[in-house]
Amino acid sequence: MFCSIRDCMLTDTFPTPCAGLRHLNVDAVEIELTRSFEVLSMDSTEKVALRSDEDALAYRKHLDSLDIQPVSFLTACDFSAGSFEDNVAWVTRAMELAAILGMDNLRIDSAMAREMDLDFGARVTLFADGLGETLRRTAGLSVAMGIENHGFQGNNLAFLLNVFQRVGSKRLGLTMDTGNFYWRGYPLSEVYGILAVLAPYAKHTHLKNIHYPAEMRERTREAGWEYGTYVSPLDEGDVDHARVLGLLHAAGYAGDICIEDESLGKYPEGDARVKILERDVAHVKGLLTAVSG
């Protein structure tokens, strides 16, 4: 396992993502891919369009010249909106671009605008059929797809397991967000139980943390309860990431441990945010050393 970071953590804190990576001594980054197939240039805040294979190859050479390792695309596709074919075609193309860039996986969001209107079976079928068709169209690629446990639907263990079972592909798994089940309102001890069940499916990760009052940690809470107040740097929260990385290690996970510290917005721009990310990186690297040892 190795340390990586989301590109948006860097753009909110440093002049450019590349400057941030060099300052933090991290070379691996998750890159957001927009619906129009645009990505950050990394050595500036400008966007680069990946309209063709040639564009993607040029971007890969550009990242190589900056000593940046792209580990995953962050993508989102609402399969409850728009055309099924358009959605499948878009995710398929994202997978193809990821392969050109040498990425191992692609993060996909499970959120649906209509998730509160559709029943459980309809949501599972819609999402699983879309991802399954995408995987069939990209059968020649080694790129995996990691569904993030995100939002109300994605933080439902039954939903995730049913999608995995219906698709039945080893290339489909989880982008394990270590804070989102806690955000969803599960008691902390139950969060570890859920993560233990899902660790064998992990393809990618997002690390975040929350520091709730002691009396709230083992209570079932409303989804998102006081998140803005209690979201915290990785080393201050309630989720024991040494325990979580131990679960991943035991399950055979060898991918990146990706920093997604959503507490940054609580701190003034500039040095305060830089120091938080420095702590996050030191925390993750220390845990990785301990796990590997």
Protein backbone atom coordinates (compact mmCIF):
# COMPACT_ATOMS: atom_id res chain seq x y z
CA MET A 1 0.00 0.00 0.00
CA PHE A 2 1.11 3.56 -0.62
CA CYS A 3 -0.03 7.13 0.03
CA SER A 4 -1.96 9.19 -2.52
CA ILE A 5 -4.16 12.28 -2.41
CA ARG A 6 -7.16 13.73 -4.25
CA ASP A 7 -6.36 16.58 -6.64
CA CYS A 8 -9.00 18.86 -5.06
CA MET A 9 -7.16 18.70 -1.71
CA LEU A 10 -4.19 20.28 -3.46
CA THR A 11 -5.98 22.95 -5.49
CA ASP A 12 -7.62 24.26 -2.33
CA THR A 13 -4.26 24.61 -0.59
CA PHE A 14 -1.35 25.09 -3.02
CA PRO A 15 -0.77 27.23 -6.14
CA THR A 16 -0.89 24.08 -8.29
CA PRO A 17 -1.44 20.37 -7.63
CA CYS A 18 2.13 19.66 -8.71
CA ALA A 19 3.50 22.15 -6.17
CA GLY A 20 1.43 20.49 -3.48
CA LEU A 21 2.59 16.99 -4.34
CA ARG A 22 6.22 18.07 -4.25
CA HIS A 23 5.80 19.90 -0.96
CA LEU A 24 4.10 16.89 0.64
CA ASN A 25 6.51 14.36 -0.91
CA VAL A 26 3.64 12.43 -2.48
CA ASP A 27 3.65 11.44 -6.15
CA ALA A 28 0.35 9.57 -6.48
CA VAL A 29 -2.88 11.44 -7.16
CA GLU A 30 -6.54 10.77 -7.87
CA ILE A 31 -7.74 13.02 -10.70
CA GLU A 32 -11.28 14.24 -11.21
CA LEU A 33 -12.64 13.56 -14.72
CA THR A 34 -15.49 15.89 -15.65
CA ARG A 35 -18.47 14.90 -17.76
CA SER A 36 -16.82 16.74 -20.67
CA PHE A 37 -13.64 14.64 -20.20
CA GLU A 38 -11.55 17.44 -18.72
CA VAL A 39 -8.82 17.08 -16.09
CA LEU A 40 -6.48 19.44 -14.26
CA SER A 41 -3.17 20.07 -16.01
CA MET A 42 -1.44 19.58 -12.62
CA ASP A 43 1.31 22.15 -13.20
CA SER A 44 -1.33 24.90 -13.40
CA THR A 45 -4.99 25.28 -12.49
CA GLU A 46 -6.02 25.07 -16.15
CA LYS A 47 -8.09 22.20 -17.51
CA VAL A 48 -6.95 19.80 -20.22
CA ALA A 49 -9.47 18.08 -22.50
CA LEU A 50 -9.02 14.36 -23.14
CA ARG A 51 -11.09 14.15 -26.32
CA SER A 52 -9.05 11.45 -28.04
CA ASP A 53 -6.57 8.69 -27.36
CA GLU A 54 -3.85 11.05 -28.58
CA ASP A 55 -4.91 13.65 -25.98
CA ALA A 56 -4.72 11.01 -23.26
CA LEU A 57 -1.30 9.81 -24.38
CA ALA A 58 0.00 13.39 -24.38
CA TYR A 59 -1.41 13.92 -20.89
CA ARG A 60 0.27 10.75 -19.67
CA LYS A 61 3.61 11.97 -21.01
CA HIS A 62 2.97 15.32 -19.32
CA LEU A 63 2.36 13.63 -15.96
CA ASP A 64 5.45 11.47 -16.44
CA SER A 65 7.52 14.61 -16.99
CA LEU A 66 6.24 15.93 -13.65
CA ASP A 67 6.92 12.59 -11.87
CA ILE A 68 3.23 12.27 -11.06
CA GLN A 69 1.55 8.87 -10.81
CA PRO A 70 -2.17 8.97 -11.66
CA VAL A 71 -3.85 6.25 -9.62
CA SER A 72 -7.55 6.71 -10.34
CA PHE A 73 -10.15 8.88 -12.02
CA LEU A 74 -12.81 10.32 -9.77
CA THR A 75 -16.01 10.03 -11.78
CA ALA A 76 -19.73 10.39 -11.14
CA CYS A 77 -22.58 9.08 -13.27
CA ASP A 78 -26.24 9.20 -12.23
CA PHE A 79 -27.81 6.13 -13.80
CA SER A 80 -31.27 7.30 -12.73
CA ALA A 81 -31.02 10.35 -15.01
CA GLY A 82 -30.53 10.64 -18.76
CA SER A 83 -30.14 7.89 -21.30
CA PHE A 84 -28.89 4.48 -20.18
CA GLU A 85 -26.81 4.22 -23.36
CA ASP A 86 -25.30 7.69 -22.90
CA ASN A 87 -24.34 6.88 -19.31
CA VAL A 88 -22.78 3.54 -20.23
CA ALA A 89 -20.92 5.11 -23.14
CA TRP A 90 -19.53 7.85 -20.89
CA VAL A 91 -18.28 5.47 -18.18
CA THR A 92 -16.88 3.14 -20.85
CA ARG A 93 -14.87 5.98 -22.32
CA ALA A 94 -13.65 6.99 -18.86
CA MET A 95 -12.40 3.43 -18.36
CA GLU A 96 -10.60 3.52 -21.70
CA LEU A 97 -8.90 6.81 -20.80
CA ALA A 98 -7.90 5.40 -17.41
CA ALA A 99 -6.23 2.48 -19.16
CA ILE A 100 -4.27 4.82 -21.43
CA LEU A 101 -3.06 6.73 -18.36
CA GLY A 102 -1.96 3.50 -16.68
CA MET A 103 -4.48 3.72 -13.86
CA ASP A 104 -5.45 0.59 -11.96
CA ASN A 105 -8.98 1.69 -11.20
CA LEU A 106 -11.74 4.24 -11.57
CA ARG A 107 -13.87 5.59 -8.73
CA ILE A 108 -17.59 5.70 -9.53
CA ASP A 109 -20.23 7.47 -7.45
CA SER A 110 -23.31 5.49 -6.47
CA ALA A 111 -25.51 8.54 -5.87
CA MET A 112 -28.75 8.82 -7.86
CA ALA A 113 -31.05 11.83 -7.98
CA ARG A 114 -34.02 9.45 -7.83
CA GLU A 115 -32.67 7.15 -5.12
CA MET A 116 -35.47 8.15 -2.74
CA ASP A 117 -38.15 7.53 -5.40
CA LEU A 118 -37.02 4.13 -6.67
CA ASP A 119 -37.37 0.99 -4.57
CA PHE A 120 -34.33 -1.01 -3.50
CA GLY A 121 -34.56 -3.63 -6.25
CA ALA A 122 -34.98 -1.03 -8.98
CA ARG A 123 -31.94 0.91 -7.77
CA VAL A 124 -29.76 -2.19 -7.60
CA THR A 125 -30.86 -3.31 -11.07
CA LEU A 126 -30.34 0.09 -12.67
CA PHE A 127 -26.89 0.64 -11.22
CA ALA A 128 -25.68 -2.94 -11.61
CA ASP A 129 -26.87 -3.21 -15.20
CA GLY A 130 -25.09 0.03 -16.10
CA LEU A 131 -21.82 -1.02 -14.53
CA GLY A 132 -22.12 -4.55 -15.83
CA GLU A 133 -22.57 -3.35 -19.41
CA THR A 134 -19.58 -1.01 -19.00
CA LEU A 135 -17.42 -3.89 -17.80
CA ARG A 136 -18.54 -6.04 -20.74
CA ARG A 137 -17.60 -3.29 -23.20
CA THR A 138 -14.17 -2.94 -21.58
CA ALA A 139 -13.52 -6.65 -21.17
CA GLY A 140 -10.04 -6.31 -22.67
CA LEU A 141 -8.91 -3.79 -20.05
CA SER A 142 -7.41 -4.50 -16.65
CA VAL A 143 -8.82 -1.30 -15.10
CA ALA A 144 -11.09 -2.02 -12.13
CA MET A 145 -14.07 0.01 -10.96
CA GLY A 146 -14.53 1.01 -7.32
CA ILE A 147 -17.98 2.11 -6.17
CA GLU A 148 -17.60 4.67 -3.41
CA ASN A 149 -19.79 4.24 -0.34
CA HIS A 150 -21.14 7.74 -0.80
CA GLY A 151 -24.39 9.46 0.12
CA PHE A 152 -27.51 7.75 1.45
CA GLN A 153 -27.67 4.86 -1.01
CA GLY A 154 -23.97 4.10 -1.30
CA ASN A 155 -23.58 3.79 2.45
CA ASN A 156 -26.00 0.89 2.52
CA LEU A 157 -24.19 -2.44 2.89
CA ALA A 158 -27.07 -4.41 1.35
CA PHE A 159 -27.06 -2.16 -1.72
CA LEU A 160 -23.33 -2.56 -2.31
CA LEU A 161 -23.29 -6.32 -1.79
CA ASN A 162 -26.30 -6.82 -4.06
CA VAL A 163 -24.67 -4.78 -6.83
CA PHE A 164 -21.43 -6.77 -6.50
CA GLN A 165 -23.36 -10.03 -6.61
CA ARG A 166 -25.55 -9.05 -9.56
CA VAL A 167 -22.58 -7.87 -11.67
CA GLY A 168 -20.37 -10.79 -10.65
CA SER A 169 -17.09 -9.36 -11.91
CA LYS A 170 -13.72 -9.36 -10.15
CA ARG A 171 -13.10 -5.97 -11.77
CA LEU A 172 -15.91 -4.41 -9.75
CA GLY A 173 -15.38 -3.53 -6.11
CA LEU A 174 -15.29 -0.70 -3.62
CA THR A 175 -13.68 2.69 -3.26
CA MET A 176 -13.63 2.37 0.53
CA ASP A 177 -14.34 5.72 2.14
CA THR A 178 -13.33 5.26 5.76
CA GLY A 179 -15.48 8.10 7.10
CA ASN A 180 -18.68 7.84 5.11
CA PHE A 181 -20.38 5.00 6.99
CA TYR A 182 -19.73 6.97 10.17
CA TRP A 183 -21.18 10.07 8.44
CA ARG A 184 -24.22 7.96 7.51
CA GLY A 185 -25.01 7.53 11.18
CA TYR A 186 -23.77 4.04 12.05
CA PRO A 187 -22.25 3.57 15.53
CA LEU A 188 -18.45 3.47 15.41
CA SER A 189 -18.18 -0.21 16.37
CA GLU A 190 -20.64 -1.08 13.60
CA VAL A 191 -18.57 0.92 11.10
CA TYR A 192 -15.62 -1.41 11.70
CA GLY A 193 -17.90 -4.40 11.18
CA ILE A 194 -19.09 -3.03 7.84
CA LEU A 195 -15.55 -2.21 6.69
CA ALA A 196 -14.40 -5.72 7.62
CA VAL A 197 -17.11 -7.23 5.39
CA LEU A 198 -16.19 -4.92 2.51
CA ALA A 199 -12.38 -5.00 2.76
CA PRO A 200 -12.05 -7.94 0.32
CA TYR A 201 -13.86 -5.85 -2.32
CA ALA A 202 -11.58 -2.80 -2.01
CA LYS A 203 -10.10 -1.43 -5.22
CA HIS A 204 -9.33 2.11 -4.07
CA THR A 205 -9.75 4.23 -0.92
CA HIS A 206 -10.66 7.66 0.45
CA LEU A 207 -9.48 8.51 3.97
CA LYS A 208 -11.43 11.02 6.03
CA ASN A 209 -12.31 11.29 9.70
CA ILE A 210 -14.87 12.69 12.12
CA HIS A 211 -14.46 13.54 15.81
CA TYR A 212 -17.88 13.26 17.43
CA PRO A 213 -18.54 13.90 21.13
CA ALA A 214 -17.88 10.72 23.12
CA GLU A 215 -21.53 10.23 23.97
CA MET A 216 -22.50 10.20 20.27
CA ARG A 217 -19.97 7.69 18.94
CA GLU A 218 -21.98 4.56 19.66
CA ARG A 219 -25.38 6.05 18.92
CA THR A 220 -27.27 5.67 15.65
CA ARG A 221 -27.39 9.23 14.29
CA GLU A 222 -29.19 11.01 11.47
CA ALA A 223 -27.19 10.90 8.23
CA GLY A 224 -24.72 13.77 8.12
CA TRP A 225 -25.41 14.81 11.71
CA GLU A 226 -23.29 17.90 12.50
CA TYR A 227 -20.71 16.81 9.93
CA GLY A 228 -19.45 20.32 9.24
CA THR A 229 -18.81 20.82 12.93
CA TYR A 230 -17.07 17.56 13.69
CA VAL A 231 -15.22 16.58 10.48
CA SER A 232 -11.56 16.45 11.47
CA PRO A 233 -7.99 15.92 10.28
CA LEU A 234 -7.14 12.26 9.89
CA ASP A 235 -5.15 12.02 13.13
CA GLU A 236 -7.84 13.65 15.30
CA GLY A 237 -10.93 11.64 14.41
CA ASP A 238 -12.66 8.66 15.97
CA VAL A 239 -12.02 6.21 13.12
CA ASP A 240 -8.88 4.23 13.94
CA HIS A 241 -7.13 4.09 10.60
CA ALA A 242 -4.48 1.71 11.90
CA ARG A 243 -7.32 -0.75 12.45
CA VAL A 244 -8.83 -0.05 9.03
CA LEU A 245 -5.52 -0.44 7.20
CA GLY A 246 -5.04 -3.68 9.10
CA LEU A 247 -8.35 -4.91 7.69
CA LEU A 248 -7.27 -3.95 4.18
CA HIS A 249 -3.84 -5.54 4.58
CA ALA A 250 -5.38 -8.77 5.87
CA ALA A 251 -7.73 -8.80 2.85
CA GLY A 252 -4.77 -8.56 0.47
CA TYR A 253 -5.30 -4.96 -0.61
CA ALA A 254 -2.12 -3.46 -2.06
CA GLY A 255 -3.39 -0.23 -3.65
CA ASP A 256 -3.25 3.42 -2.70
CA ILE A 257 -4.44 4.99 0.55
CA CYS A 258 -5.92 8.24 -0.73
CA ILE A 259 -6.20 11.32 1.49
CA GLU A 260 -9.55 13.12 1.32
CA ASP A 261 -9.49 15.48 4.31
CA GLU A 262 -12.75 17.43 4.18
CA SER A 263 -11.86 19.33 7.34
CA LEU A 264 -9.61 21.70 5.38
CA GLY A 265 -12.43 24.18 4.85
CA LYS A 266 -12.59 24.74 8.62
CA TYR A 267 -9.10 26.26 8.59
CA PRO A 268 -7.84 29.57 7.14
CA GLU A 269 -6.35 29.43 3.67
CA GLY A 270 -2.58 29.23 3.52
CA ASP A 271 -0.19 27.82 6.12
CA ALA A 272 -2.89 26.39 8.37
CA ARG A 273 -4.20 24.12 5.62
CA VAL A 274 -0.69 23.19 4.51
CA LYS A 275 0.12 22.06 8.05
CA ILE A 276 -3.04 19.92 8.18
CA LEU A 277 -2.10 18.13 4.96
CA GLU A 278 1.46 17.69 6.20
CA ARG A 279 0.03 15.99 9.29
CA ASP A 280 -2.29 13.86 7.16
CA VAL A 281 0.56 12.61 4.99
CA ALA A 282 2.78 11.90 7.99
CA HIS A 283 -0.10 10.05 9.63
CA VAL A 284 -0.80 7.86 6.60
CA LYS A 285 2.85 7.10 5.93
CA GLY A 286 3.38 6.20 9.57
CA LEU A 287 0.44 3.81 9.49
CA LEU A 288 1.68 2.24 6.26
CA THR A 289 5.10 1.65 7.80
CA ALA A 290 3.49 0.05 10.83
CA VAL A 291 1.24 -2.19 8.73
CA SER A 292 4.04 -3.31 6.43
CA GLY A 293 6.24 -4.01 9.46
